[in-house]
Amino acid sequence: MTTKNITVFEAFAGIGAQMEAMNNLMRNDDLLKQLGLVKEKVKFVNVGTSEWFIDAIISYDALHHGVQTTFPKYEKLSNKVMLKFLLKYTLSKDSKTPCSKQEIKKLSFEKIRQIYIAIKRNKNFGSIVDIKPENLPQSDIFTYSFPCQNLSTIGKGEGLEVGTKSGLLWEIQRILYGLKLLKRLPKFLVMENVKALFSKKHISGWNKFASFLESLGYKNTTMVLNAKNFGTPQNRERAFCISELNGTDEIIVESKGSHTNIHDFLDLNNDDLIEEYKAAMPNNTPSRIKWIEKSKHLNDMTHCMTITTKTDRFPNPGMFFSDINGKLVDNVSNDWNINGDKAPFRFLTPREQLQLMAFKSNAYDVLKNIGMSKTKIQLMAGNSIVVSKLEAIFTSILKRIVSKKIKVKKDILKAVNNTEYFVQLSNVA
């Protein structure tokens, strides 16, 4: 029996929430049986990513491909060869501005090797602005979670204007138009962004893009999904759009019902994690005390607020009243000096932030072990997508594939860095 490989391309890949979700689905025997699929005969296959943020590229590789020492000829890689390869890419150290060639050249050999291997193993095509449609592999699912800075209520609200970070959406338009001309449009598209994308202020820009998708033959299903309805105790609403080529009706995404209590979901009083708790406690300063009035008190709540890229600001996901070791206390007397020089509360730890994005607890250990700092992990967690919501979305796509009995055809696909033979879903409804 032929294996069904559902090929996926991740634009704005980040740390790979999409691939995390798909891998989880492939381990869900009960779901596959429910859909009438045999575990060994169906799998999601990553055929490419697009990402320019160096830390996210390296983190994606670590989370999904493991240690880099297994890379072929690891000890014999040439700095000259690797540098020549990297200088073809537009890369960024801060996810905001591109690195100059001189900045890349000044990196240590170890860092150059780390980035080189990550790009290779991630099948990374680089920045979205540099991608040429004719160079992209055929994919069945194309995901795009473009930047939200100019849409978020925290930002200046420039919207989808060309030249802004959020305006990178129009690069997706350029790529899809090119794939249309090549007759290689993906069967499904999956978009994610902040809820404000569908607001009165920004909806006209989105509608313009949605109309473009319709002109290509896509049927769009738009929705706002909250993480707390998908088994994750985080009040995080995000806009999604699933587009099906030649689709005729909307795609239904089923929630998992009521959310899990944050006190059951997280390991909040683990002696082995005390150092992590303590590191999440700010100094006891007047400015930090002000956060107490503004922030949600998670001791008494079943869920946190939206995970952000930085906790020590407002809005933030909330705070826990805690003792000097970061363990939870009631502090009914409102004594803001119970911990001396440290504040009477702690924020969520980076490990907890990743867990609340539905990554596994050891994801934090993986990133810490490759040298990612607490602030970088927080940044990448806040910019990621809740994995359990993506699981529900990909499940709905799997159901659509099964219900329509989409035929498979044998294709030969040359991947970016190695040659592989896949069986791909054909683009017929």
Protein backbone atom coordinates (compact mmCIF):
# COMPACT_ATOMS: atom_id res chain seq x y z
CA MET A 1 0.00 0.00 0.00
CA THR A 2 1.31 3.43 -0.99
CA THR A 3 2.13 5.95 1.72
CA LYS A 4 0.26 9.26 1.68
CA ASN A 5 2.66 12.09 2.39
CA ILE A 6 0.94 15.42 2.95
CA THR A 7 3.56 17.98 2.03
CA VAL A 8 3.77 21.25 3.96
CA PHE A 9 5.58 24.56 3.43
CA GLU A 10 5.85 26.91 6.45
CA ALA A 11 6.24 30.61 5.65
CA PHE A 12 7.21 32.78 8.64
CA ALA A 13 8.05 29.47 10.30
CA GLY A 14 9.25 30.74 13.69
CA ILE A 15 10.09 27.85 16.00
CA GLY A 16 7.85 25.45 14.12
CA ALA A 17 4.50 25.32 15.92
CA GLN A 18 3.01 23.98 12.68
CA MET A 19 5.41 21.05 12.50
CA GLU A 20 4.97 20.39 16.23
CA ALA A 21 1.21 20.13 15.69
CA MET A 22 1.54 17.83 12.71
CA ASN A 23 3.99 15.54 14.50
CA ASN A 24 1.56 15.31 17.43
CA LEU A 25 -1.24 14.30 15.07
CA MET A 26 0.88 11.57 13.54
CA ARG A 27 1.37 10.12 17.02
CA ASN A 28 -2.37 10.18 17.74
CA ASP A 29 -3.40 6.61 16.93
CA ASP A 30 -7.01 7.12 18.03
CA LEU A 31 -7.49 10.08 15.70
CA LEU A 32 -5.96 8.31 12.72
CA LYS A 33 -8.17 5.27 13.31
CA GLN A 34 -11.21 7.54 13.57
CA LEU A 35 -10.33 8.98 10.17
CA GLY A 36 -9.77 5.53 8.72
CA LEU A 37 -6.05 6.14 8.25
CA VAL A 38 -3.24 3.72 8.99
CA LYS A 39 -0.44 5.31 11.03
CA GLU A 40 2.34 3.87 8.88
CA LYS A 41 0.63 4.95 5.66
CA VAL A 42 0.12 8.68 6.19
CA LYS A 43 2.38 11.45 7.40
CA PHE A 44 3.01 15.15 7.12
CA VAL A 45 6.27 15.99 5.37
CA ASN A 46 7.98 19.35 5.64
CA VAL A 47 9.25 20.38 2.20
CA GLY A 48 10.39 23.87 3.10
CA THR A 49 10.35 26.81 5.50
CA SER A 50 10.85 30.54 5.23
CA GLU A 51 12.39 32.40 8.16
CA TRP A 52 15.04 35.12 8.53
CA PHE A 53 15.37 35.45 12.34
CA ILE A 54 18.57 33.61 13.25
CA ASP A 55 17.45 32.55 16.75
CA ALA A 56 14.18 31.14 15.41
CA ILE A 57 16.01 29.26 12.63
CA ILE A 58 18.37 27.66 15.14
CA SER A 59 15.56 26.93 17.61
CA TYR A 60 13.38 25.30 14.95
CA ASP A 61 16.28 23.02 14.06
CA ALA A 62 16.95 22.06 17.67
CA LEU A 63 13.29 21.35 18.46
CA HIS A 64 12.56 19.31 15.34
CA HIS A 65 15.87 17.80 14.26
CA GLY A 66 17.83 17.28 17.46
CA VAL A 67 21.55 17.76 18.09
CA GLN A 68 23.60 19.04 15.18
CA THR A 69 26.56 16.68 15.65
CA THR A 70 24.68 14.08 13.58
CA PHE A 71 24.89 16.31 10.50
CA PRO A 72 27.04 14.73 7.76
CA LYS A 73 30.74 15.61 8.05
CA TYR A 74 29.99 17.82 11.06
CA GLU A 75 33.63 18.02 12.15
CA LYS A 76 34.92 18.68 8.64
CA LEU A 77 32.63 21.53 7.56
CA SER A 78 34.56 24.38 5.99
CA ASN A 79 34.08 27.92 7.28
CA LYS A 80 34.66 29.28 3.76
CA VAL A 81 32.04 27.02 2.18
CA MET A 82 29.49 27.68 4.93
CA LEU A 83 30.02 31.44 4.83
CA LYS A 84 29.60 31.53 1.06
CA PHE A 85 26.30 29.70 1.52
CA LEU A 86 25.03 31.98 4.30
CA LEU A 87 25.84 35.21 2.46
CA LYS A 88 23.18 34.30 -0.09
CA TYR A 89 20.52 34.73 2.63
CA THR A 90 18.92 37.79 4.21
CA LEU A 91 19.24 37.09 7.94
CA SER A 92 18.36 39.07 11.06
CA LYS A 93 19.69 39.02 14.62
CA ASP A 94 16.67 40.78 16.12
CA SER A 95 13.82 39.81 13.74
CA LYS A 96 13.51 43.49 12.83
CA THR A 97 16.49 44.54 10.73
CA PRO A 98 18.65 42.60 8.26
CA CYS A 99 22.26 41.74 9.06
CA SER A 100 24.97 43.19 6.87
CA LYS A 101 27.40 40.83 5.18
CA GLN A 102 30.08 42.11 7.52
CA GLU A 103 28.02 41.13 10.56
CA ILE A 104 27.68 37.58 9.21
CA LYS A 105 31.39 37.37 8.42
CA LYS A 106 32.27 38.42 11.98
CA LEU A 107 30.33 35.54 13.53
CA SER A 108 32.34 32.78 15.19
CA PHE A 109 32.97 29.52 13.36
CA GLU A 110 30.67 27.73 15.83
CA LYS A 111 27.82 30.19 15.19
CA ILE A 112 28.26 30.01 11.42
CA ARG A 113 28.13 26.23 11.60
CA GLN A 114 25.06 26.33 13.82
CA ILE A 115 23.15 28.59 11.40
CA TYR A 116 24.37 26.69 8.32
CA ILE A 117 23.20 23.31 9.60
CA ALA A 118 19.89 24.75 10.81
CA ILE A 119 19.12 26.30 7.41
CA LYS A 120 20.01 23.05 5.66
CA ARG A 121 17.98 20.79 7.96
CA ASN A 122 15.00 23.18 8.07
CA LYS A 123 14.98 23.34 4.26
CA ASN A 124 14.91 27.10 4.78
CA PHE A 125 14.40 29.25 1.68
CA GLY A 126 15.28 32.39 3.63
CA SER A 127 13.42 35.68 3.90
CA ILE A 128 9.98 35.78 2.31
CA VAL A 129 11.02 38.77 0.17
CA ASP A 130 13.77 36.75 -1.51
CA ILE A 131 11.67 33.72 -2.43
CA LYS A 132 11.02 33.08 -6.11
CA PRO A 133 7.89 30.99 -6.78
CA GLU A 134 9.64 28.86 -9.38
CA ASN A 135 12.15 27.70 -6.74
CA LEU A 136 9.53 26.48 -4.28
CA PRO A 137 8.68 22.78 -4.05
CA GLN A 138 5.12 21.60 -4.62
CA SER A 139 3.17 21.57 -1.35
CA ASP A 140 -0.29 20.44 -0.30
CA ILE A 141 -0.50 22.82 2.68
CA PHE A 142 1.07 26.30 2.74
CA THR A 143 1.03 28.09 6.11
CA TYR A 144 1.69 31.80 6.60
CA SER A 145 1.70 33.58 9.96
CA PHE A 146 2.90 36.98 8.83
CA PRO A 147 4.10 39.65 11.34
CA CYS A 148 1.46 41.30 13.52
CA GLN A 149 3.36 44.42 14.67
CA ASN A 150 1.34 46.86 12.55
CA LEU A 151 -2.00 45.21 13.41
CA SER A 152 -1.61 44.66 17.15
CA THR A 153 -3.28 47.06 19.56
CA ILE A 154 0.15 47.52 21.17
CA GLY A 155 1.63 48.86 17.92
CA LYS A 156 0.96 52.02 15.92
CA GLY A 157 -1.73 50.39 13.80
CA GLU A 158 -0.37 51.09 10.32
CA GLY A 159 -2.16 47.99 9.09
CA LEU A 160 -1.25 46.09 5.96
CA GLU A 161 0.48 48.96 4.21
CA VAL A 162 3.24 47.92 1.81
CA GLY A 163 6.61 48.51 3.46
CA THR A 164 5.45 47.63 6.98
CA LYS A 165 6.18 44.32 8.69
CA SER A 166 2.53 43.28 8.47
CA GLY A 167 2.58 44.36 4.84
CA LEU A 168 4.70 41.28 4.13
CA LEU A 169 1.33 39.65 3.51
CA TRP A 170 1.61 41.01 -0.03
CA GLU A 171 4.73 38.90 -0.52
CA ILE A 172 2.44 35.91 -0.08
CA GLN A 173 0.23 37.37 -2.80
CA ARG A 174 3.25 37.64 -5.09
CA ILE A 175 4.31 34.05 -4.40
CA LEU A 176 0.83 32.57 -4.84
CA TYR A 177 0.31 34.45 -8.10
CA GLY A 178 3.58 32.98 -9.35
CA LEU A 179 2.53 29.49 -8.30
CA LYS A 180 -0.76 30.01 -10.11
CA LEU A 181 1.10 30.73 -13.35
CA LEU A 182 3.18 27.60 -12.75
CA LYS A 183 -0.02 25.58 -12.06
CA ARG A 184 1.39 24.55 -8.67
CA LEU A 185 -0.96 26.18 -6.19
CA PRO A 186 -1.16 24.41 -2.80
CA LYS A 187 -4.39 22.57 -2.08
CA PHE A 188 -4.78 24.29 1.31
CA LEU A 189 -3.57 27.58 2.81
CA VAL A 190 -3.54 28.29 6.56
CA MET A 191 -3.19 31.89 7.83
CA GLU A 192 -2.76 33.00 11.46
CA ASN A 193 -2.54 36.49 12.94
CA VAL A 194 -3.90 38.68 15.73
CA LYS A 195 -7.64 39.11 16.09
CA ALA A 196 -7.30 42.80 15.11
CA LEU A 197 -6.78 41.69 11.50
CA PHE A 198 -10.55 41.22 11.28
CA SER A 199 -11.33 44.48 13.09
CA LYS A 200 -13.09 47.45 11.50
CA LYS A 201 -9.75 49.26 11.26
CA HIS A 202 -7.96 46.56 9.26
CA ILE A 203 -10.67 44.43 7.64
CA SER A 204 -10.57 46.28 4.30
CA GLY A 205 -6.93 45.28 3.82
CA TRP A 206 -7.68 41.68 4.68
CA ASN A 207 -10.73 41.63 2.40
CA LYS A 208 -8.55 42.78 -0.48
CA PHE A 209 -6.23 39.82 0.09
CA ALA A 210 -9.13 37.41 0.62
CA SER A 211 -10.64 38.52 -2.71
CA PHE A 212 -7.30 37.81 -4.36
CA LEU A 213 -7.39 34.26 -2.94
CA GLU A 214 -10.89 33.81 -4.31
CA SER A 215 -9.70 34.93 -7.74
CA LEU A 216 -7.20 32.06 -7.64
CA GLY A 217 -10.00 29.60 -6.94
CA TYR A 218 -9.79 29.32 -3.15
CA LYS A 219 -12.76 28.98 -0.81
CA ASN A 220 -11.93 30.88 2.40
CA THR A 221 -13.07 29.94 5.89
CA THR A 222 -12.25 32.66 8.44
CA MET A 223 -12.55 32.27 12.19
CA VAL A 224 -11.29 33.54 15.55
CA LEU A 225 -10.12 30.74 17.83
CA ASN A 226 -9.34 31.02 21.54
CA ALA A 227 -6.63 28.82 23.02
CA LYS A 228 -8.67 28.17 26.16
CA ASN A 229 -11.17 26.24 24.02
CA PHE A 230 -8.41 23.93 22.77
CA GLY A 231 -7.10 22.36 25.96
CA THR A 232 -4.67 25.17 26.82
CA PRO A 233 -5.41 27.51 29.78
CA GLN A 234 -4.56 30.72 27.95
CA ASN A 235 -7.06 33.38 26.93
CA ARG A 236 -5.51 33.94 23.51
CA GLU A 237 -7.76 34.82 20.59
CA ARG A 238 -6.23 34.68 17.13
CA ALA A 239 -7.55 35.11 13.59
CA PHE A 240 -7.29 32.18 11.21
CA CYS A 241 -8.20 31.57 7.60
CA ILE A 242 -8.22 28.16 5.95
CA SER A 243 -8.38 28.36 2.16
CA GLU A 244 -9.19 25.30 0.04
CA LEU A 245 -8.45 25.28 -3.67
CA ASN A 246 -11.67 24.57 -5.57
CA GLY A 247 -13.47 24.22 -2.25
CA THR A 248 -17.25 24.47 -2.17
CA ASP A 249 -18.10 24.82 1.51
CA GLU A 250 -16.53 26.04 4.73
CA ILE A 251 -14.19 23.91 6.82
CA ILE A 252 -15.34 23.29 10.38
CA VAL A 253 -12.69 23.38 13.15
CA GLU A 254 -13.88 21.61 16.28
CA SER A 255 -12.81 22.84 19.72
CA LYS A 256 -11.77 20.56 22.56
CA GLY A 257 -14.37 22.03 24.86
CA SER A 258 -13.60 23.78 28.15
CA HIS A 259 -9.98 24.65 28.88
CA THR A 260 -7.74 23.01 31.45
CA ASN A 261 -7.12 24.77 34.77
CA ILE A 262 -3.73 26.50 34.75
CA HIS A 263 -2.95 25.11 38.23
CA ASP A 264 -3.38 21.56 36.92
CA PHE A 265 -1.74 22.28 33.58
CA LEU A 266 1.51 23.73 34.95
CA ASP A 267 3.90 22.31 37.54
CA LEU A 268 3.73 25.41 39.74
CA ASN A 269 5.38 24.26 42.96
CA ASN A 270 8.13 21.92 41.80
CA ASP A 271 11.26 22.05 43.96
CA ASP A 272 13.36 21.15 40.92
CA LEU A 273 12.19 24.33 39.16
CA ILE A 274 12.79 26.83 42.00
CA GLU A 275 15.69 28.53 40.21
CA GLU A 276 13.45 29.12 37.19
CA TYR A 277 10.71 30.54 39.44
CA LYS A 278 13.17 32.86 41.17
CA ALA A 279 14.54 34.07 37.84
CA ALA A 280 11.00 35.16 36.93
CA MET A 281 10.75 37.43 39.99
CA PRO A 282 11.51 41.12 39.25
CA ASN A 283 13.12 43.44 41.78
CA ASN A 284 10.87 45.05 44.37
CA THR A 285 10.73 48.54 42.88
CA PRO A 286 7.88 51.11 42.76
CA SER A 287 7.42 50.50 39.04
CA ARG A 288 7.08 46.73 39.60
CA ILE A 289 4.57 47.26 42.40
CA LYS A 290 2.44 49.19 39.91
CA TRP A 291 2.12 46.00 37.84
CA ILE A 292 0.12 44.47 40.70
CA GLU A 293 -2.79 46.84 40.09
CA LYS A 294 -2.70 46.41 36.32
CA SER A 295 -2.02 42.69 35.94
CA LYS A 296 -4.25 39.66 36.37
CA HIS A 297 -3.61 37.67 39.56
CA LEU A 298 -3.20 34.10 38.38
CA ASN A 299 -3.39 32.59 41.87
CA ASP A 300 -7.16 32.95 41.68
CA MET A 301 -7.64 32.28 37.96
CA THR A 302 -8.14 29.22 35.80
CA HIS A 303 -6.21 30.63 32.85
CA CYS A 304 -3.61 33.26 32.00
CA MET A 305 -3.91 36.11 29.53
CA THR A 306 -2.24 36.18 26.11
CA ILE A 307 1.43 35.17 26.19
CA THR A 308 3.46 38.16 25.04
CA THR A 309 7.06 38.52 23.84
CA LYS A 310 7.97 40.18 27.15
CA THR A 311 6.34 39.66 30.55
CA ASP A 312 7.79 42.61 32.47
CA ARG A 313 5.45 45.15 30.89
CA PHE A 314 1.76 45.77 30.48
CA PRO A 315 -0.23 44.05 29.13
CA ASN A 316 1.28 40.79 30.32
CA PRO A 317 -0.08 37.25 30.75
CA GLY A 318 -0.56 37.81 34.48
CA MET A 319 1.43 37.18 37.66
CA PHE A 320 1.56 34.77 40.58
CA PHE A 321 1.79 36.03 44.16
CA SER A 322 4.74 34.04 45.48
CA ASP A 323 7.24 33.59 48.28
CA ILE A 324 10.98 34.23 48.01
CA ASN A 325 11.39 30.92 46.14
CA GLY A 326 8.72 31.74 43.61
CA LYS A 327 6.22 29.28 45.06
CA LEU A 328 2.59 30.38 45.23
CA VAL A 329 1.22 32.15 48.32
CA ASP A 330 -2.12 33.89 48.95
CA ASN A 331 -0.64 37.11 50.43
CA VAL A 332 -4.07 38.11 51.69
CA SER A 333 -2.47 40.91 53.74
CA ASN A 334 -1.16 42.57 50.56
CA ASP A 335 2.32 42.81 52.02
CA TRP A 336 4.44 43.95 49.08
CA ASN A 337 7.67 43.52 51.08
CA ILE A 338 7.36 39.86 52.04
CA ASN A 339 10.26 38.93 49.73
CA GLY A 340 12.60 41.79 50.63
CA ASP A 341 14.46 43.07 47.58
CA LYS A 342 12.40 40.85 45.30
CA ALA A 343 8.81 41.62 44.29
CA PRO A 344 5.98 39.74 46.05
CA PHE A 345 5.12 38.07 42.75
CA ARG A 346 6.64 36.26 39.81
CA PHE A 347 5.81 36.19 36.14
CA LEU A 348 5.41 33.04 34.07
CA THR A 349 8.74 31.33 33.44
CA PRO A 350 9.95 30.72 29.87
CA ARG A 351 9.26 27.00 30.36
CA GLU A 352 5.68 27.77 31.40
CA GLN A 353 5.23 30.15 28.48
CA LEU A 354 6.22 27.44 26.02
CA GLN A 355 3.90 24.97 27.76
CA LEU A 356 1.03 27.45 27.51
CA MET A 357 1.71 27.61 23.78
CA ALA A 358 1.20 23.81 23.95
CA PHE A 359 4.84 22.87 23.43
CA LYS A 360 6.16 20.12 25.66
CA SER A 361 7.95 21.06 28.89
CA ASN A 362 11.30 19.79 27.61
CA ALA A 363 11.18 22.28 24.72
CA TYR A 364 12.59 24.80 27.18
CA ASP A 365 15.46 22.47 28.08
CA VAL A 366 16.27 21.94 24.40
CA LEU A 367 16.46 25.69 23.73
CA LYS A 368 18.37 26.42 26.94
CA ASN A 369 20.92 23.72 26.08
CA ILE A 370 21.75 25.37 22.75
CA GLY A 371 22.39 28.69 24.49
CA MET A 372 19.09 30.52 24.02
CA SER A 373 18.57 33.13 26.75
CA LYS A 374 15.41 33.53 28.80
CA THR A 375 14.45 36.72 26.97
CA LYS A 376 14.93 35.14 23.54
CA ILE A 377 12.82 32.13 24.50
CA GLN A 378 10.09 34.45 25.78
CA LEU A 379 10.21 36.41 22.53
CA MET A 380 9.89 33.32 20.37
CA ALA A 381 7.13 31.82 22.52
CA GLY A 382 5.12 35.04 22.35
CA ASN A 383 5.48 35.15 18.57
CA SER A 384 4.51 31.51 18.10
CA ILE A 385 1.12 29.85 17.53
CA VAL A 386 -0.72 27.70 20.07
CA VAL A 387 0.05 24.16 18.92
CA SER A 388 -3.26 22.65 20.03
CA LYS A 389 -5.20 25.09 17.82
CA LEU A 390 -3.08 24.07 14.86
CA GLU A 391 -3.74 20.42 15.68
CA ALA A 392 -7.47 21.11 15.41
CA ILE A 393 -6.99 22.95 12.11
CA PHE A 394 -4.86 20.21 10.56
CA THR A 395 -7.33 17.62 11.81
CA SER A 396 -10.11 19.45 9.94
CA ILE A 397 -7.96 19.44 6.80
CA LEU A 398 -7.28 15.71 7.21
CA LYS A 399 -11.01 15.12 7.52
CA ARG A 400 -11.61 17.10 4.33
CA ILE A 401 -9.01 15.05 2.49
CA VAL A 402 -10.56 11.80 3.67
CA SER A 403 -14.17 12.87 3.03
CA LYS A 404 -13.39 13.99 -0.51
CA LYS A 405 -11.23 10.92 -1.15
CA ILE A 406 -8.61 13.10 -2.78
CA LYS A 407 -6.55 10.89 -5.04
CA VAL A 408 -2.84 10.50 -4.64
CA LYS A 409 -0.33 10.52 -7.42
CA LYS A 410 3.33 9.65 -7.51
CA ASP A 411 5.59 12.62 -7.98
CA ILE A 412 9.32 13.05 -7.75
CA LEU A 413 10.24 16.01 -5.60
CA LYS A 414 13.74 17.38 -5.24
CA ALA A 415 14.07 18.87 -1.78
CA VAL A 416 16.34 21.80 -1.04
CA ASN A 417 19.27 19.92 0.35
CA ASN A 418 18.73 16.29 -0.55
CA THR A 419 16.73 14.26 -3.01
CA GLU A 420 13.65 12.52 -1.67
CA TYR A 421 10.78 10.66 -3.28
CA PHE A 422 7.32 11.59 -2.09
CA VAL A 423 3.76 10.61 -2.84
CA GLN A 424 1.84 13.86 -3.01
CA LEU A 425 -1.83 14.73 -2.88
CA SER A 426 -3.01 15.96 -6.24
CA ASN A 427 -4.64 19.38 -6.53
CA VAL A 428 -8.05 18.11 -7.53
CA ALA A 429 -11.21 18.57 -5.49
